[in-house]
Amino acid sequence: MGRIGFFTATTGVISNQMGMDITGNNLANVNTYGFKASRPSFADLVYTKRNNNIEEVQTGHGVKVDKTDLMFEQSTLRHTERDLDFAALDEGFFAVETPSGNTAYTKDGAFYITDIDGNGTWQLCDSKGSFVLDYEGNRITVPFNEDMQIEYTELIPQIGTYRFENPYGLDQFGDNYYINTGSSGEAIADDTIKKKQGYMEASGTSVATEMTKVIEYQRAFQLNVNMVKLHDELNNLVNNLRG
């Protein structure tokens, strides 16, 4: 007995498990500021002819996760009343220099200041220790007035905002960071992107949507598991009859 049905159902098990993993990650980040949810796209696999005399009769060979799309719609803004919290509106990003020296981009605008040399040279960074960059890609030295209070009127214009021709082509880097790819294009500094002080962009995860997907993936997963079991039982039955 052929094993096409067995392998076809197996691809369904694997694909729906991957879909569940992506949905689980979205739900895990429901409280992560600036997080953008991912959505898996499924595609069918190759087809073969069952009858060379009839072109229309074909057999499918399962499903795969073709790609994962990032959903960059503007999320809700939450008022934090903290002066070093910022939201880059629409499809704007902040640029950071990671501890490894790479440039990454983020929607998480919770910033802090750090004394980099112990001599009072304060620079702007994020909670992961990455340095926030200006429009030229340089680190930002925090300006103070004579009372050692931050001069926000000077600081805010320095915080760089960037955009991409195709933000959906960005690659997730971890730590809520993104890096550009050939599909996304290079980052473009854009000072017309609005920065809202005292606000943070909420996670893009919709709990209702993701829970609906959980139910869909669970049922599809279980259906494919049952098909694998059924096909295995049929194979055993046929082998026993032959014996």
Protein backbone atom coordinates (compact mmCIF):
# COMPACT_ATOMS: atom_id res chain seq x y z
CA MET A 1 0.00 0.00 0.00
CA GLY A 2 1.36 3.45 -0.89
CA ARG A 3 2.47 5.84 1.80
CA ILE A 4 1.43 9.09 0.06
CA GLY A 5 -1.44 9.66 2.49
CA PHE A 6 0.86 9.08 5.46
CA PHE A 7 3.41 11.65 4.31
CA THR A 8 0.72 14.13 3.23
CA ALA A 9 -0.86 14.07 6.69
CA THR A 10 2.58 14.36 8.27
CA THR A 11 3.23 17.64 6.45
CA GLY A 12 -0.05 18.88 7.91
CA VAL A 13 1.07 17.94 11.42
CA ILE A 14 4.41 19.72 11.00
CA SER A 15 2.93 22.85 9.38
CA ASN A 16 0.20 23.29 11.97
CA GLN A 17 2.74 22.81 14.76
CA MET A 18 4.81 25.61 13.23
CA GLY A 19 1.70 27.78 13.02
CA MET A 20 1.00 27.06 16.69
CA ASP A 21 4.58 28.03 17.60
CA ILE A 22 4.22 31.38 15.82
CA THR A 23 0.87 32.06 17.49
CA GLY A 24 2.30 31.07 20.87
CA ASN A 25 5.13 33.57 20.41
CA ASN A 26 2.60 36.29 19.53
CA LEU A 27 0.62 35.56 22.70
CA ALA A 28 3.77 35.44 24.83
CA ASN A 29 4.55 39.01 23.72
CA VAL A 30 1.10 40.46 24.31
CA ASN A 31 2.61 42.85 26.91
CA THR A 32 5.84 43.61 25.02
CA TYR A 33 5.93 47.26 23.95
CA GLY A 34 6.58 47.75 20.25
CA PHE A 35 6.15 44.06 19.42
CA LYS A 36 4.69 43.24 16.01
CA ALA A 37 2.82 39.97 15.55
CA SER A 38 3.74 37.45 12.87
CA ARG A 39 1.36 35.56 10.61
CA PRO A 40 2.27 32.30 8.85
CA SER A 41 1.27 31.82 5.23
CA PHE A 42 0.62 28.27 4.07
CA ALA A 43 1.15 26.86 0.59
CA ASP A 44 0.37 23.53 -1.03
CA LEU A 45 3.12 21.18 -2.17
CA VAL A 46 3.58 19.47 -5.55
CA TYR A 47 0.89 17.56 -7.39
CA THR A 48 1.29 14.33 -9.34
CA LYS A 49 -0.91 12.79 -11.99
CA ARG A 50 -2.92 9.76 -10.94
CA ASN A 51 -3.93 8.90 -14.47
CA ASN A 52 -1.77 9.74 -17.47
CA ASN A 53 -4.85 9.60 -19.67
CA ILE A 54 -6.76 12.22 -17.68
CA GLU A 55 -4.86 15.46 -17.09
CA GLU A 56 -7.33 16.79 -14.51
CA VAL A 57 -6.88 13.88 -12.08
CA GLN A 58 -4.07 14.88 -9.73
CA THR A 59 -2.93 13.95 -6.23
CA GLY A 60 -1.70 16.58 -3.79
CA HIS A 61 1.22 16.03 -1.47
CA GLY A 62 0.52 18.12 1.59
CA VAL A 63 1.20 21.61 2.89
CA LYS A 64 4.10 23.74 4.10
CA VAL A 65 4.63 27.08 5.84
CA ASP A 66 5.65 29.18 2.84
CA LYS A 67 6.62 32.34 4.72
CA THR A 68 5.99 34.35 7.86
CA ASP A 69 4.66 37.89 7.49
CA LEU A 70 5.16 40.69 10.01
CA MET A 71 2.08 42.78 10.75
CA PHE A 72 3.14 46.43 11.03
CA GLU A 73 -0.18 48.15 11.63
CA GLN A 74 -0.09 51.03 14.13
CA SER A 75 -0.86 49.70 17.61
CA THR A 76 -2.51 51.53 20.49
CA LEU A 77 -0.43 54.21 22.20
CA ARG A 78 -0.22 53.99 25.98
CA HIS A 79 0.51 57.04 28.09
CA THR A 80 3.37 56.27 30.50
CA GLU A 81 4.06 59.80 31.82
CA ARG A 82 7.80 58.97 31.60
CA ASP A 83 9.87 61.59 29.81
CA LEU A 84 12.29 59.09 28.23
CA ASP A 85 9.53 56.95 26.69
CA PHE A 86 8.85 57.55 23.00
CA ALA A 87 6.60 56.10 20.32
CA ALA A 88 7.63 56.24 16.65
CA LEU A 89 4.33 56.57 14.84
CA ASP A 90 3.11 54.64 11.80
CA GLU A 91 5.94 52.63 10.20
CA GLY A 92 8.75 54.55 11.89
CA PHE A 93 11.60 52.84 13.75
CA PHE A 94 14.32 53.85 16.17
CA ALA A 95 17.89 52.80 15.35
CA VAL A 96 20.24 51.33 17.94
CA GLU A 97 23.82 50.13 18.10
CA THR A 98 23.76 46.73 19.82
CA PRO A 99 26.47 45.61 22.29
CA SER A 100 27.93 43.50 19.46
CA GLY A 101 28.35 46.64 17.33
CA ASN A 102 25.56 45.90 14.86
CA THR A 103 22.86 48.38 13.85
CA ALA A 104 19.32 47.22 14.52
CA TYR A 105 15.89 48.84 14.48
CA THR A 106 13.08 48.74 17.00
CA LYS A 107 9.62 50.08 17.81
CA ASP A 108 10.38 49.92 21.54
CA GLY A 109 11.12 53.48 22.63
CA ALA A 110 11.78 52.96 26.36
CA PHE A 111 15.10 54.82 26.72
CA TYR A 112 17.54 55.45 29.55
CA ILE A 113 20.77 57.35 30.06
CA THR A 114 24.13 55.80 30.92
CA ASP A 115 27.50 57.25 31.94
CA ILE A 116 29.75 55.52 29.44
CA ASP A 117 33.15 56.51 30.87
CA GLY A 118 32.43 57.44 34.47
CA ASN A 119 33.33 61.06 33.77
CA GLY A 120 29.87 62.42 33.18
CA THR A 121 29.50 61.64 29.48
CA TRP A 122 25.89 60.53 29.41
CA GLN A 123 24.50 58.81 26.34
CA LEU A 124 21.05 57.56 25.43
CA CYS A 125 20.49 53.79 25.45
CA ASP A 126 17.69 51.25 25.73
CA SER A 127 16.97 48.59 28.36
CA LYS A 128 19.20 46.04 26.58
CA GLY A 129 22.24 48.30 26.74
CA SER A 130 22.14 49.28 23.07
CA PHE A 131 22.94 52.90 22.19
CA VAL A 132 20.20 54.94 20.52
CA LEU A 133 21.36 56.56 17.27
CA ASP A 134 20.67 59.90 15.64
CA TYR A 135 19.80 60.56 12.01
CA GLU A 136 23.45 60.18 11.01
CA GLY A 137 23.83 56.83 12.75
CA ASN A 138 25.84 58.26 15.66
CA ARG A 139 25.36 57.78 19.39
CA ILE A 140 23.46 60.53 21.19
CA THR A 141 25.13 62.49 24.01
CA VAL A 142 22.42 63.67 26.40
CA PRO A 143 22.39 67.49 26.90
CA PHE A 144 21.92 68.93 30.40
CA ASN A 145 21.19 72.44 31.61
CA GLU A 146 23.04 74.22 34.43
CA ASP A 147 20.77 72.52 36.99
CA MET A 148 21.75 69.08 35.60
CA GLN A 149 18.27 68.56 34.17
CA ILE A 150 17.92 66.97 30.74
CA GLU A 151 17.27 69.50 27.97
CA TYR A 152 14.51 67.66 26.16
CA THR A 153 14.08 70.41 23.60
CA GLU A 154 17.61 69.61 22.43
CA LEU A 155 17.50 65.85 22.99
CA ILE A 156 14.26 64.94 21.20
CA PRO A 157 15.27 66.31 17.76
CA GLN A 158 18.45 64.23 17.94
CA ILE A 159 16.63 60.88 18.32
CA GLY A 160 16.66 59.39 14.85
CA THR A 161 13.60 57.88 13.21
CA TYR A 162 13.88 55.60 10.21
CA ARG A 163 11.64 53.96 7.67
CA PHE A 164 11.94 51.20 5.07
CA GLU A 165 10.56 50.89 1.57
CA ASN A 166 9.24 47.46 2.55
CA PRO A 167 9.14 46.99 6.35
CA TYR A 168 7.42 43.62 5.86
CA GLY A 169 10.74 42.33 4.52
CA LEU A 170 12.62 43.00 7.79
CA ASP A 171 14.20 40.10 9.64
CA GLN A 172 13.54 39.56 13.35
CA PHE A 173 16.80 39.70 15.28
CA GLY A 174 15.62 38.93 18.83
CA ASP A 175 15.28 41.33 21.79
CA ASN A 176 12.49 43.08 19.87
CA TYR A 177 15.00 44.17 17.21
CA TYR A 178 14.80 44.02 13.43
CA ILE A 179 17.55 44.10 10.81
CA ASN A 180 17.23 45.12 7.20
CA THR A 181 17.38 42.61 4.35
CA GLY A 182 17.53 42.78 0.58
CA SER A 183 13.74 42.59 0.58
CA SER A 184 13.23 45.47 3.04
CA GLY A 185 15.88 47.73 1.55
CA GLU A 186 18.22 49.99 3.50
CA ALA A 187 16.98 52.12 6.37
CA ILE A 188 16.05 55.66 5.38
CA ALA A 189 16.46 58.45 7.94
CA ASP A 190 13.22 60.44 8.00
CA ASP A 191 12.76 63.38 10.35
CA THR A 192 9.12 63.78 9.29
CA ILE A 193 8.15 60.68 11.29
CA LYS A 194 6.48 61.84 14.49
CA LYS A 195 7.91 60.92 17.89
CA LYS A 196 5.44 61.08 20.76
CA GLN A 197 7.06 61.69 24.14
CA GLY A 198 5.63 60.02 27.24
CA TYR A 199 3.94 57.30 25.21
CA MET A 200 4.78 53.72 24.24
CA GLU A 201 3.34 51.71 21.38
CA ALA A 202 1.53 48.65 22.71
CA SER A 203 2.05 45.14 21.39
CA GLY A 204 0.46 44.40 18.04
CA THR A 205 -0.87 41.06 19.32
CA SER A 206 -4.65 40.73 19.27
CA VAL A 207 -5.56 38.16 21.91
CA ALA A 208 -8.93 37.43 20.31
CA THR A 209 -7.38 36.83 16.89
CA GLU A 210 -4.56 34.67 18.25
CA MET A 211 -6.88 32.54 20.40
CA THR A 212 -9.03 31.90 17.33
CA LYS A 213 -5.90 30.73 15.50
CA VAL A 214 -5.00 28.48 18.44
CA ILE A 215 -8.33 26.68 18.07
CA GLU A 216 -7.92 26.41 14.28
CA TYR A 217 -4.38 25.02 14.51
CA GLN A 218 -5.28 22.61 17.31
CA ARG A 219 -8.16 21.12 15.35
CA ALA A 220 -6.18 20.94 12.11
CA PHE A 221 -3.24 19.39 13.98
CA GLN A 222 -5.48 16.76 15.59
CA LEU A 223 -7.16 15.97 12.26
CA ASN A 224 -3.80 15.36 10.60
CA VAL A 225 -2.59 13.26 13.55
CA ASN A 226 -5.70 11.11 13.21
CA MET A 227 -5.02 10.74 9.49
CA VAL A 228 -1.47 9.57 10.24
CA LYS A 229 -2.81 7.02 12.73
CA LEU A 230 -5.50 5.84 10.31
CA HIS A 231 -3.05 5.38 7.48
CA ASP A 232 -0.68 3.48 9.77
CA GLU A 233 -3.51 1.18 10.86
CA LEU A 234 -4.50 0.56 7.23
CA ASN A 235 -0.90 -0.31 6.37
CA ASN A 236 -0.75 -2.77 9.26
CA LEU A 237 -4.06 -4.31 8.19
CA VAL A 238 -2.88 -4.78 4.62
CA ASN A 239 0.42 -6.25 5.77
CA ASN A 240 -1.37 -8.69 8.07
CA LEU A 241 -3.65 -9.80 5.23
CA ARG A 242 -0.62 -10.43 3.05
CA GLY A 243 0.99 -12.46 5.81
